[in-house]
């Protein structure tokens, strides 16, 4: 999700409420999606970093692995899962339904 602005923006509470008819329900939808995104990002990051891991690493090799550092920096620059979820919510990319 590189297109999501990583900076926090203020949002109109009424616009959030109008999406579902209930402010708290809208927040719950965004929170659930944020959790899903966080799990996906964590799994993705670990999968990428595991490619570089070796069980015979010594301390010097761990600190000098520039590929791992660059991958970590990419993930640090990405918008956090909550911001991604809010963007998806306002762009109508989240499917939700009432039970």
PDB file of N, CA and C in Angstrom:
ATOM      1  N   UNK A   1       0.826  -1.185   0.000  1.00  0.00           N
ATOM      2  CA  UNK A   1       0.000   0.000   0.000  1.00  0.00           C
ATOM      3  C   UNK A   1       0.868   1.245   0.000  1.00  0.00           C
ATOM      4  N   UNK A   2       1.624   1.438  -0.996  1.00  0.00           N
ATOM      5  CA  UNK A   2       2.531   2.569  -1.056  1.00  0.00           C
ATOM      6  C   UNK A   2       1.802   3.881  -1.305  1.00  0.00           C
ATOM      7  N   UNK A   3       0.573   3.856  -1.784  1.00  0.00           N
ATOM      8  CA  UNK A   3      -0.138   5.077  -2.123  1.00  0.00           C
ATOM      9  C   UNK A   3      -0.780   5.765  -0.919  1.00  0.00           C
ATOM     10  N   UNK A   4      -0.761   5.130   0.234  1.00  0.00           N
ATOM     11  CA  UNK A   4      -1.359   5.709   1.430  1.00  0.00           C
ATOM     12  C   UNK A   4      -0.371   6.685   2.060  1.00  0.00           C
ATOM     13  N   UNK A   5      -0.861   7.880   2.370  1.00  0.00           N
ATOM     14  CA  UNK A   5      -0.039   8.899   3.004  1.00  0.00           C
ATOM     15  C   UNK A   5       0.319   8.445   4.419  1.00  0.00           C
ATOM     16  N   UNK A   6       1.604   8.369   4.759  1.00  0.00           N
ATOM     17  CA  UNK A   6       1.991   7.901   6.095  1.00  0.00           C
ATOM     18  C   UNK A   6       1.791   8.939   7.201  1.00  0.00           C
ATOM     19  N   UNK A   7       1.356  10.139   6.845  1.00  0.00           N
ATOM     20  CA  UNK A   7       1.124  11.179   7.843  1.00  0.00           C
ATOM     21  C   UNK A   7      -0.320  11.156   8.315  1.00  0.00           C
ATOM     22  N   UNK A   8      -0.514  11.409   9.579  1.00  0.00           N
ATOM     23  CA  UNK A   8      -1.846  11.411  10.176  1.00  0.00           C
ATOM     24  C   UNK A   8      -2.592  12.664   9.737  1.00  0.00           C
ATOM     25  N   UNK A   9      -3.848  12.469   9.330  1.00  0.00           N
ATOM     26  CA  UNK A   9      -4.701  13.590   8.942  1.00  0.00           C
ATOM     27  C   UNK A   9      -5.950  13.583   9.818  1.00  0.00           C
ATOM     28  N   UNK A  10      -6.492  14.761  10.052  1.00  0.00           N
ATOM     29  CA  UNK A  10      -7.748  14.814  10.786  1.00  0.00           C
ATOM     30  C   UNK A  10      -8.872  14.357   9.866  1.00  0.00           C
ATOM     31  N   UNK A  11      -9.864  13.734  10.451  1.00  0.00           N
ATOM     32  CA  UNK A  11     -11.006  13.232   9.683  1.00  0.00           C
ATOM     33  C   UNK A  11     -12.290  13.802  10.264  1.00  0.00           C
ATOM     34  N   UNK A  12     -13.276  13.951   9.399  1.00  0.00           N
ATOM     35  CA  UNK A  12     -14.578  14.457   9.818  1.00  0.00           C
ATOM     36  C   UNK A  12     -15.351  13.330  10.493  1.00  0.00           C
ATOM     37  N   UNK A  13     -15.700  13.533  11.759  1.00  0.00           N
ATOM     38  CA  UNK A  13     -16.401  12.514  12.532  1.00  0.00           C
ATOM     39  C   UNK A  13     -17.766  12.217  11.922  1.00  0.00           C
ATOM     40  N   UNK A  14     -18.412  13.220  11.397  1.00  0.00           N
ATOM     41  CA  UNK A  14     -19.733  13.018  10.782  1.00  0.00           C
ATOM     42  C   UNK A  14     -19.611  12.144   9.532  1.00  0.00           C
ATOM     43  N   UNK A  15     -18.560  12.354   8.754  1.00  0.00           N
ATOM     44  CA  UNK A  15     -18.342  11.529   7.560  1.00  0.00           C
ATOM     45  C   UNK A  15     -18.079  10.077   7.951  1.00  0.00           C
ATOM     46  N   UNK A  16     -17.345   9.872   9.036  1.00  0.00           N
ATOM     47  CA  UNK A  16     -17.100   8.510   9.522  1.00  0.00           C
ATOM     48  C   UNK A  16     -18.415   7.868   9.945  1.00  0.00           C
ATOM     49  N   UNK A  17     -19.229   8.616  10.672  1.00  0.00           N
ATOM     50  CA  UNK A  17     -20.515   8.101  11.145  1.00  0.00           C
ATOM     51  C   UNK A  17     -21.449   7.785   9.982  1.00  0.00           C
ATOM     52  N   UNK A  18     -21.441   8.619   8.964  1.00  0.00           N
ATOM     53  CA  UNK A  18     -22.374   8.442   7.846  1.00  0.00           C
ATOM     54  C   UNK A  18     -22.094   7.190   7.014  1.00  0.00           C
ATOM     55  N   UNK A  19     -20.875   6.655   7.073  1.00  0.00           N
ATOM     56  CA  UNK A  19     -20.540   5.466   6.286  1.00  0.00           C
ATOM     57  C   UNK A  19     -21.349   4.246   6.732  1.00  0.00           C
ATOM     58  N   UNK A  20     -21.578   4.101   8.052  1.00  0.00           N
ATOM     59  CA  UNK A  20     -22.327   2.948   8.555  1.00  0.00           C
ATOM     60  C   UNK A  20     -23.598   3.355   9.297  1.00  0.00           C
ATOM     61  N   UNK A  21     -23.713   4.630   9.609  1.00  0.00           N
ATOM     62  CA  UNK A  21     -24.856   5.083  10.395  1.00  0.00           C
ATOM     63  C   UNK A  21     -24.554   5.150  11.878  1.00  0.00           C
ATOM     64  N   UNK A  22     -23.377   4.660  12.277  1.00  0.00           N
ATOM     65  CA  UNK A  22     -23.006   4.651  13.684  1.00  0.00           C
ATOM     66  C   UNK A  22     -21.496   4.862  13.774  1.00  0.00           C
ATOM     67  N   UNK A  23     -21.096   5.861  14.522  1.00  0.00           N
ATOM     68  CA  UNK A  23     -19.677   6.192  14.643  1.00  0.00           C
ATOM     69  C   UNK A  23     -18.870   5.019  15.186  1.00  0.00           C
ATOM     70  N   UNK A  24     -19.362   4.391  16.240  1.00  0.00           N
ATOM     71  CA  UNK A  24     -18.622   3.313  16.886  1.00  0.00           C
ATOM     72  C   UNK A  24     -18.536   2.075  15.999  1.00  0.00           C
ATOM     73  N   UNK A  25     -19.569   1.839  15.227  1.00  0.00           N
ATOM     74  CA  UNK A  25     -19.540   0.718  14.287  1.00  0.00           C
ATOM     75  C   UNK A  25     -18.491   0.974  13.198  1.00  0.00           C
ATOM     76  N   UNK A  26     -18.427   2.205  12.708  1.00  0.00           N
ATOM     77  CA  UNK A  26     -17.426   2.565  11.702  1.00  0.00           C
ATOM     78  C   UNK A  26     -16.015   2.375  12.250  1.00  0.00           C
ATOM     79  N   UNK A  27     -15.809   2.805  13.484  1.00  0.00           N
ATOM     80  CA  UNK A  27     -14.490   2.662  14.110  1.00  0.00           C
ATOM     81  C   UNK A  27     -14.157   1.184  14.297  1.00  0.00           C
ATOM     82  N   UNK A  28     -15.138   0.376  14.674  1.00  0.00           N
ATOM     83  CA  UNK A  28     -14.909  -1.058  14.851  1.00  0.00           C
ATOM     84  C   UNK A  28     -14.526  -1.723  13.528  1.00  0.00           C
ATOM     85  N   UNK A  29     -15.176  -1.315  12.435  1.00  0.00           N
ATOM     86  CA  UNK A  29     -14.846  -1.864  11.115  1.00  0.00           C
ATOM     87  C   UNK A  29     -13.404  -1.520  10.754  1.00  0.00           C
ATOM     88  N   UNK A  30     -13.026  -0.257  10.964  1.00  0.00           N
ATOM     89  CA  UNK A  30     -11.659   0.158  10.652  1.00  0.00           C
ATOM     90  C   UNK A  30     -10.645  -0.545  11.555  1.00  0.00           C
ATOM     91  N   UNK A  31     -10.988  -0.749  12.814  1.00  0.00           N
ATOM     92  CA  UNK A  31     -10.074  -1.420  13.747  1.00  0.00           C
ATOM     93  C   UNK A  31      -9.849  -2.872  13.345  1.00  0.00           C
ATOM     94  N   UNK A  32     -10.917  -3.554  12.950  1.00  0.00           N
ATOM     95  CA  UNK A  32     -10.765  -4.947  12.517  1.00  0.00           C
ATOM     96  C   UNK A  32      -9.895  -5.039  11.272  1.00  0.00           C
ATOM     97  N   UNK A  33     -10.123  -4.140  10.324  1.00  0.00           N
ATOM     98  CA  UNK A  33      -9.318  -4.149   9.103  1.00  0.00           C
ATOM     99  C   UNK A  33      -7.869  -3.807   9.417  1.00  0.00           C
ATOM    100  N   UNK A  34      -7.657  -2.885  10.335  1.00  0.00           N
ATOM    101  CA  UNK A  34      -6.305  -2.522  10.741  1.00  0.00           C
ATOM    102  C   UNK A  34      -5.574  -3.729  11.317  1.00  0.00           C
ATOM    103  N   UNK A  35      -6.255  -4.523  12.112  1.00  0.00           N
ATOM    104  CA  UNK A  35      -5.656  -5.734  12.679  1.00  0.00           C
ATOM    105  C   UNK A  35      -5.277  -6.720  11.580  1.00  0.00           C
ATOM    106  N   UNK A  36      -6.139  -6.870  10.591  1.00  0.00           N
ATOM    107  CA  UNK A  36      -5.855  -7.769   9.473  1.00  0.00           C
ATOM    108  C   UNK A  36      -4.614  -7.303   8.710  1.00  0.00           C
ATOM    109  N   UNK A  37      -4.549  -6.002   8.444  1.00  0.00           N
ATOM    110  CA  UNK A  37      -3.410  -5.443   7.716  1.00  0.00           C
ATOM    111  C   UNK A  37      -2.127  -5.641   8.517  1.00  0.00           C
ATOM    112  N   UNK A  38      -2.188  -5.419   9.831  1.00  0.00           N
ATOM    113  CA  UNK A  38      -1.004  -5.562  10.682  1.00  0.00           C
ATOM    114  C   UNK A  38      -0.467  -6.987  10.645  1.00  0.00           C
ATOM    115  N   UNK A  39      -1.363  -7.958  10.713  1.00  0.00           N
ATOM    116  CA  UNK A  39      -0.935  -9.355  10.672  1.00  0.00           C
ATOM    117  C   UNK A  39      -0.297  -9.675   9.324  1.00  0.00           C
ATOM    118  N   UNK A  40      -0.904  -9.206   8.247  1.00  0.00           N
ATOM    119  CA  UNK A  40      -0.366  -9.446   6.911  1.00  0.00           C
ATOM    120  C   UNK A  40       1.007  -8.810   6.744  1.00  0.00           C
ATOM    121  N   UNK A  41       1.147  -7.570   7.190  1.00  0.00           N
ATOM    122  CA  UNK A  41       2.433  -6.874   7.084  1.00  0.00           C
ATOM    123  C   UNK A  41       3.513  -7.584   7.902  1.00  0.00           C
ATOM    124  N   UNK A  42       3.153  -8.033   9.091  1.00  0.00           N
ATOM    125  CA  UNK A  42       4.117  -8.711   9.957  1.00  0.00           C
ATOM    126  C   UNK A  42       4.585 -10.013   9.311  1.00  0.00           C
ATOM    127  N   UNK A  43       3.645 -10.791   8.779  1.00  0.00           N
ATOM    128  CA  UNK A  43       4.007 -12.047   8.121  1.00  0.00           C
ATOM    129  C   UNK A  43       4.892 -11.786   6.904  1.00  0.00           C
ATOM    130  N   UNK A  44       4.544 -10.765   6.127  1.00  0.00           N
ATOM    131  CA  UNK A  44       5.314 -10.398   4.940  1.00  0.00           C
ATOM    132  C   UNK A  44       6.746 -10.007   5.315  1.00  0.00           C
ATOM    133  N   UNK A  45       6.872  -9.175   6.330  1.00  0.00           N
ATOM    134  CA  UNK A  45       8.189  -8.722   6.776  1.00  0.00           C
ATOM    135  C   UNK A  45       9.037  -9.890   7.265  1.00  0.00           C
ATOM    136  N   UNK A  46       8.449 -10.750   8.087  1.00  0.00           N
ATOM    137  CA  UNK A  46       9.194 -11.895   8.597  1.00  0.00           C
ATOM    138  C   UNK A  46       9.602 -12.842   7.478  1.00  0.00           C
ATOM    139  N   UNK A  47       8.727 -13.035   6.507  1.00  0.00           N
ATOM    140  CA  UNK A  47       9.045 -13.902   5.373  1.00  0.00           C
ATOM    141  C   UNK A  47      10.240 -13.332   4.589  1.00  0.00           C
ATOM    142  N   UNK A  48      10.248 -12.022   4.378  1.00  0.00           N
ATOM    143  CA  UNK A  48      11.349 -11.393   3.648  1.00  0.00           C
ATOM    144  C   UNK A  48      12.651 -11.438   4.439  1.00  0.00           C
ATOM    145  N   UNK A  49      12.570 -11.204   5.736  1.00  0.00           N
ATOM    146  CA  UNK A  49      13.776 -11.211   6.561  1.00  0.00           C
ATOM    147  C   UNK A  49      14.314 -12.623   6.767  1.00  0.00           C
ATOM    148  N   UNK A  50      13.427 -13.622   6.762  1.00  0.00           N
ATOM    149  CA  UNK A  50      13.875 -15.009   6.930  1.00  0.00           C
ATOM    150  C   UNK A  50      14.716 -15.479   5.756  1.00  0.00           C
ATOM    151  N   UNK A  51      14.561 -14.869   4.603  1.00  0.00           N
ATOM    152  CA  UNK A  51      15.376 -15.231   3.453  1.00  0.00           C
ATOM    153  C   UNK A  51      16.859 -14.980   3.719  1.00  0.00           C
ATOM    154  N   UNK A  52      17.151 -14.004   4.570  1.00  0.00           N
ATOM    155  CA  UNK A  52      18.525 -13.631   4.860  1.00  0.00           C
ATOM    156  C   UNK A  52      19.075 -14.320   6.093  1.00  0.00           C
ATOM    157  N   UNK A  53      18.215 -14.961   6.864  1.00  0.00           N
ATOM    158  CA  UNK A  53      18.692 -15.538   8.120  1.00  0.00           C
ATOM    159  C   UNK A  53      19.431 -16.840   7.864  1.00  0.00           C
ATOM    160  N   UNK A  54      20.388 -17.035   8.690  1.00  0.00           N
ATOM    161  CA  UNK A  54      21.184 -18.253   8.658  1.00  0.00           C
ATOM    162  C   UNK A  54      21.389 -18.668  10.102  1.00  0.00           C
ATOM    163  N   UNK A  55      21.318 -19.934  10.354  1.00  0.00           N
ATOM    164  CA  UNK A  55      21.432 -20.399  11.742  1.00  0.00           C
ATOM    165  C   UNK A  55      22.871 -20.341  12.246  1.00  0.00           C
ATOM    166  N   UNK A  56      23.802 -20.118  11.343  1.00  0.00           N
ATOM    167  CA  UNK A  56      25.210 -20.057  11.730  1.00  0.00           C
ATOM    168  C   UNK A  56      25.733 -18.624  11.755  1.00  0.00           C
ATOM    169  N   UNK A  57      24.838 -17.650  11.816  1.00  0.00           N
ATOM    170  CA  UNK A  57      25.264 -16.243  11.840  1.00  0.00           C
ATOM    171  C   UNK A  57      26.088 -15.946  13.083  1.00  0.00           C
ATOM    172  N   UNK A  58      27.081 -15.133  12.884  1.00  0.00           N
ATOM    173  CA  UNK A  58      27.787 -14.613  14.053  1.00  0.00           C
ATOM    174  C   UNK A  58      27.353 -13.165  14.233  1.00  0.00           C
ATOM    175  N   UNK A  59      27.755 -12.559  15.292  1.00  0.00           N
ATOM    176  CA  UNK A  59      27.298 -11.213  15.635  1.00  0.00           C
ATOM    177  C   UNK A  59      27.662 -10.187  14.571  1.00  0.00           C
ATOM    178  N   UNK A  60      28.826 -10.289  13.964  1.00  0.00           N
ATOM    179  CA  UNK A  60      29.260  -9.326  12.961  1.00  0.00           C
ATOM    180  C   UNK A  60      28.394  -9.404  11.705  1.00  0.00           C
ATOM    181  N   UNK A  61      28.028 -10.607  11.290  1.00  0.00           N
ATOM    182  CA  UNK A  61      27.213 -10.760  10.086  1.00  0.00           C
ATOM    183  C   UNK A  61      25.809 -10.210  10.296  1.00  0.00           C
ATOM    184  N   UNK A  62      25.300 -10.335  11.476  1.00  0.00           N
ATOM    185  CA  UNK A  62      23.950  -9.838  11.763  1.00  0.00           C
ATOM    186  C   UNK A  62      23.909  -8.320  11.625  1.00  0.00           C
ATOM    187  N   UNK A  63      24.922  -7.635  12.140  1.00  0.00           N
ATOM    188  CA  UNK A  63      24.927  -6.181  12.102  1.00  0.00           C
ATOM    189  C   UNK A  63      25.262  -5.618  10.729  1.00  0.00           C
ATOM    190  N   UNK A  64      25.872  -6.401   9.869  1.00  0.00           N
ATOM    191  CA  UNK A  64      26.318  -5.892   8.585  1.00  0.00           C
ATOM    192  C   UNK A  64      25.401  -6.255   7.423  1.00  0.00           C
ATOM    193  N   UNK A  65      24.280  -6.885   7.686  1.00  0.00           N
ATOM    194  CA  UNK A  65      23.410  -7.306   6.602  1.00  0.00           C
ATOM    195  C   UNK A  65      22.586  -6.115   6.108  1.00  0.00           C
ATOM    196  N   UNK A  66      23.058  -5.473   5.067  1.00  0.00           N
ATOM    197  CA  UNK A  66      22.440  -4.254   4.548  1.00  0.00           C
ATOM    198  C   UNK A  66      21.077  -4.515   3.901  1.00  0.00           C
ATOM    199  N   UNK A  67      20.883  -5.696   3.331  1.00  0.00           N
ATOM    200  CA  UNK A  67      19.587  -6.010   2.711  1.00  0.00           C
ATOM    201  C   UNK A  67      18.475  -6.043   3.753  1.00  0.00           C
ATOM    202  N   UNK A  68      18.759  -6.642   4.896  1.00  0.00           N
ATOM    203  CA  UNK A  68      17.768  -6.687   5.966  1.00  0.00           C
ATOM    204  C   UNK A  68      17.449  -5.282   6.464  1.00  0.00           C
ATOM    205  N   UNK A  69      18.478  -4.468   6.589  1.00  0.00           N
ATOM    206  CA  UNK A  69      18.278  -3.099   7.061  1.00  0.00           C
ATOM    207  C   UNK A  69      17.417  -2.319   6.075  1.00  0.00           C
ATOM    208  N   UNK A  70      17.674  -2.484   4.788  1.00  0.00           N
ATOM    209  CA  UNK A  70      16.895  -1.770   3.775  1.00  0.00           C
ATOM    210  C   UNK A  70      15.435  -2.224   3.770  1.00  0.00           C
ATOM    211  N   UNK A  71      15.193  -3.519   3.900  1.00  0.00           N
ATOM    212  CA  UNK A  71      13.814  -4.025   3.968  1.00  0.00           C
ATOM    213  C   UNK A  71      13.100  -3.452   5.187  1.00  0.00           C
ATOM    214  N   UNK A  72      13.780  -3.419   6.308  1.00  0.00           N
ATOM    215  CA  UNK A  72      13.188  -2.859   7.527  1.00  0.00           C
ATOM    216  C   UNK A  72      12.861  -1.380   7.352  1.00  0.00           C
ATOM    217  N   UNK A  73      13.729  -0.653   6.698  1.00  0.00           N
ATOM    218  CA  UNK A  73      13.487   0.786   6.473  1.00  0.00           C
ATOM    219  C   UNK A  73      12.272   1.003   5.574  1.00  0.00           C
ATOM    220  N   UNK A  74      12.099   0.151   4.581  1.00  0.00           N
ATOM    221  CA  UNK A  74      10.924   0.258   3.705  1.00  0.00           C
ATOM    222  C   UNK A  74       9.651   0.103   4.515  1.00  0.00           C
ATOM    223  N   UNK A  75       9.622  -0.878   5.397  1.00  0.00           N
ATOM    224  CA  UNK A  75       8.435  -1.101   6.222  1.00  0.00           C
ATOM    225  C   UNK A  75       8.231   0.017   7.229  1.00  0.00           C
ATOM    226  N   UNK A  76       9.298   0.620   7.708  1.00  0.00           N
ATOM    227  CA  UNK A  76       9.166   1.742   8.642  1.00  0.00           C
ATOM    228  C   UNK A  76       8.555   2.966   7.971  1.00  0.00           C
ATOM    229  N   UNK A  77       8.822   3.152   6.680  1.00  0.00           N
ATOM    230  CA  UNK A  77       8.313   4.318   5.952  1.00  0.00           C
ATOM    231  C   UNK A  77       6.861   4.143   5.519  1.00  0.00           C
ATOM    232  N   UNK A  78       6.366   2.916   5.532  1.00  0.00           N
ATOM    233  CA  UNK A  78       4.984   2.672   5.106  1.00  0.00           C
ATOM    234  C   UNK A  78       4.009   3.253   6.129  1.00  0.00           C
ATOM    235  N   UNK A  79       2.818   3.560   5.647  1.00  0.00           N
ATOM    236  CA  UNK A  79       1.767   4.036   6.550  1.00  0.00           C
ATOM    237  C   UNK A  79       1.409   2.904   7.504  1.00  0.00           C
ATOM    238  N   UNK A  80       1.116   3.256   8.740  1.00  0.00           N
ATOM    239  CA  UNK A  80       0.785   2.198   9.688  1.00  0.00           C
ATOM    240  C   UNK A  80      -0.578   1.584   9.338  1.00  0.00           C
ATOM    241  N   UNK A  81      -0.871   0.402   9.847  1.00  0.00           N
ATOM    242  CA  UNK A  81      -2.106  -0.304   9.478  1.00  0.00           C
ATOM    243  C   UNK A  81      -3.387   0.497   9.747  1.00  0.00           C
ATOM    244  N   UNK A  82      -3.399   1.293  10.797  1.00  0.00           N
ATOM    245  CA  UNK A  82      -4.603   2.078  11.095  1.00  0.00           C
ATOM    246  C   UNK A  82      -4.868   3.105   9.992  1.00  0.00           C
ATOM    247  N   UNK A  83      -3.826   3.768   9.521  1.00  0.00           N
ATOM    248  CA  UNK A  83      -3.993   4.747   8.445  1.00  0.00           C
ATOM    249  C   UNK A  83      -4.408   4.063   7.142  1.00  0.00           C
ATOM    250  N   UNK A  84      -3.862   2.893   6.893  1.00  0.00           N
ATOM    251  CA  UNK A  84      -4.252   2.143   5.703  1.00  0.00           C
ATOM    252  C   UNK A  84      -5.725   1.742   5.779  1.00  0.00           C
ATOM    253  N   UNK A  85      -6.165   1.316   6.957  1.00  0.00           N
ATOM    254  CA  UNK A  85      -7.556   0.905   7.136  1.00  0.00           C
ATOM    255  C   UNK A  85      -8.507   2.091   6.957  1.00  0.00           C
ATOM    256  N   UNK A  86      -8.147   3.243   7.474  1.00  0.00           N
ATOM    257  CA  UNK A  86      -8.987   4.430   7.320  1.00  0.00           C
ATOM    258  C   UNK A  86      -9.111   4.800   5.842  1.00  0.00           C
ATOM    259  N   UNK A  87      -7.996   4.750   5.129  1.00  0.00           N
ATOM    260  CA  UNK A  87      -8.016   5.062   3.699  1.00  0.00           C
ATOM    261  C   UNK A  87      -8.898   4.082   2.939  1.00  0.00           C
ATOM    262  N   UNK A  88      -8.757   2.795   3.236  1.00  0.00           N
ATOM    263  CA  UNK A  88      -9.599   1.781   2.590  1.00  0.00           C
ATOM    264  C   UNK A  88     -11.072   2.007   2.926  1.00  0.00           C
ATOM    265  N   UNK A  89     -11.350   2.377   4.160  1.00  0.00           N
ATOM    266  CA  UNK A  89     -12.732   2.608   4.592  1.00  0.00           C
ATOM    267  C   UNK A  89     -13.365   3.749   3.807  1.00  0.00           C
ATOM    268  N   UNK A  90     -12.634   4.848   3.661  1.00  0.00           N
ATOM    269  CA  UNK A  90     -13.177   5.996   2.937  1.00  0.00           C
ATOM    270  C   UNK A  90     -13.209   5.782   1.429  1.00  0.00           C
ATOM    271  N   UNK A  91     -12.373   4.884   0.921  1.00  0.00           N
ATOM    272  CA  UNK A  91     -12.379   4.567  -0.508  1.00  0.00           C
ATOM    273  C   UNK A  91     -13.330   3.410  -0.838  1.00  0.00           C
ATOM    274  N   UNK A  92     -14.135   2.991   0.136  1.00  0.00           N
ATOM    275  CA  UNK A  92     -15.099   1.885  -0.020  1.00  0.00           C
ATOM    276  C   UNK A  92     -14.429   0.601  -0.493  1.00  0.00           C
ATOM    277  N   UNK A  93     -13.268   0.296   0.047  1.00  0.00           N
ATOM    278  CA  UNK A  93     -12.559  -0.934  -0.295  1.00  0.00           C
ATOM    279  C   UNK A  93     -12.713  -2.007   0.763  1.00  0.00           C
ATOM    280  N   UNK A  94     -13.475  -1.708   1.817  1.00  0.00           N
ATOM    281  CA  UNK A  94     -13.698  -2.673   2.895  1.00  0.00           C
ATOM    282  C   UNK A  94     -15.137  -3.159   2.796  1.00  0.00           C
ATOM    283  N   UNK A  95     -15.273  -4.487   2.756  1.00  0.00           N
ATOM    284  CA  UNK A  95     -16.611  -5.084   2.763  1.00  0.00           C
ATOM    285  C   UNK A  95     -16.950  -5.425   4.203  1.00  0.00           C
ATOM    286  N   UNK A  96     -18.084  -4.984   4.677  1.00  0.00           N
ATOM    287  CA  UNK A  96     -18.527  -5.299   6.028  1.00  0.00           C
ATOM    288  C   UNK A  96     -20.035  -5.498   5.993  1.00  0.00           C
ATOM    289  N   UNK A  97     -20.524  -6.258   6.955  1.00  0.00           N
ATOM    290  CA  UNK A  97     -21.971  -6.481   7.044  1.00  0.00           C
ATOM    291  C   UNK A  97     -22.355  -6.650   8.499  1.00  0.00           C
ATOM    292  N   UNK A  98     -23.606  -6.379   8.789  1.00  0.00           N
ATOM    293  CA  UNK A  98     -24.102  -6.554  10.143  1.00  0.00           C
ATOM    294  C   UNK A  98     -24.607  -7.979  10.300  1.00  0.00           C
ATOM    295  N   UNK A  99     -24.379  -8.533  11.477  1.00  0.00           N
ATOM    296  CA  UNK A  99     -24.863  -9.893  11.735  1.00  0.00           C
ATOM    297  C   UNK A  99     -26.324  -9.866  12.089  1.00  0.00           C
TER     298      UNK A  99
END
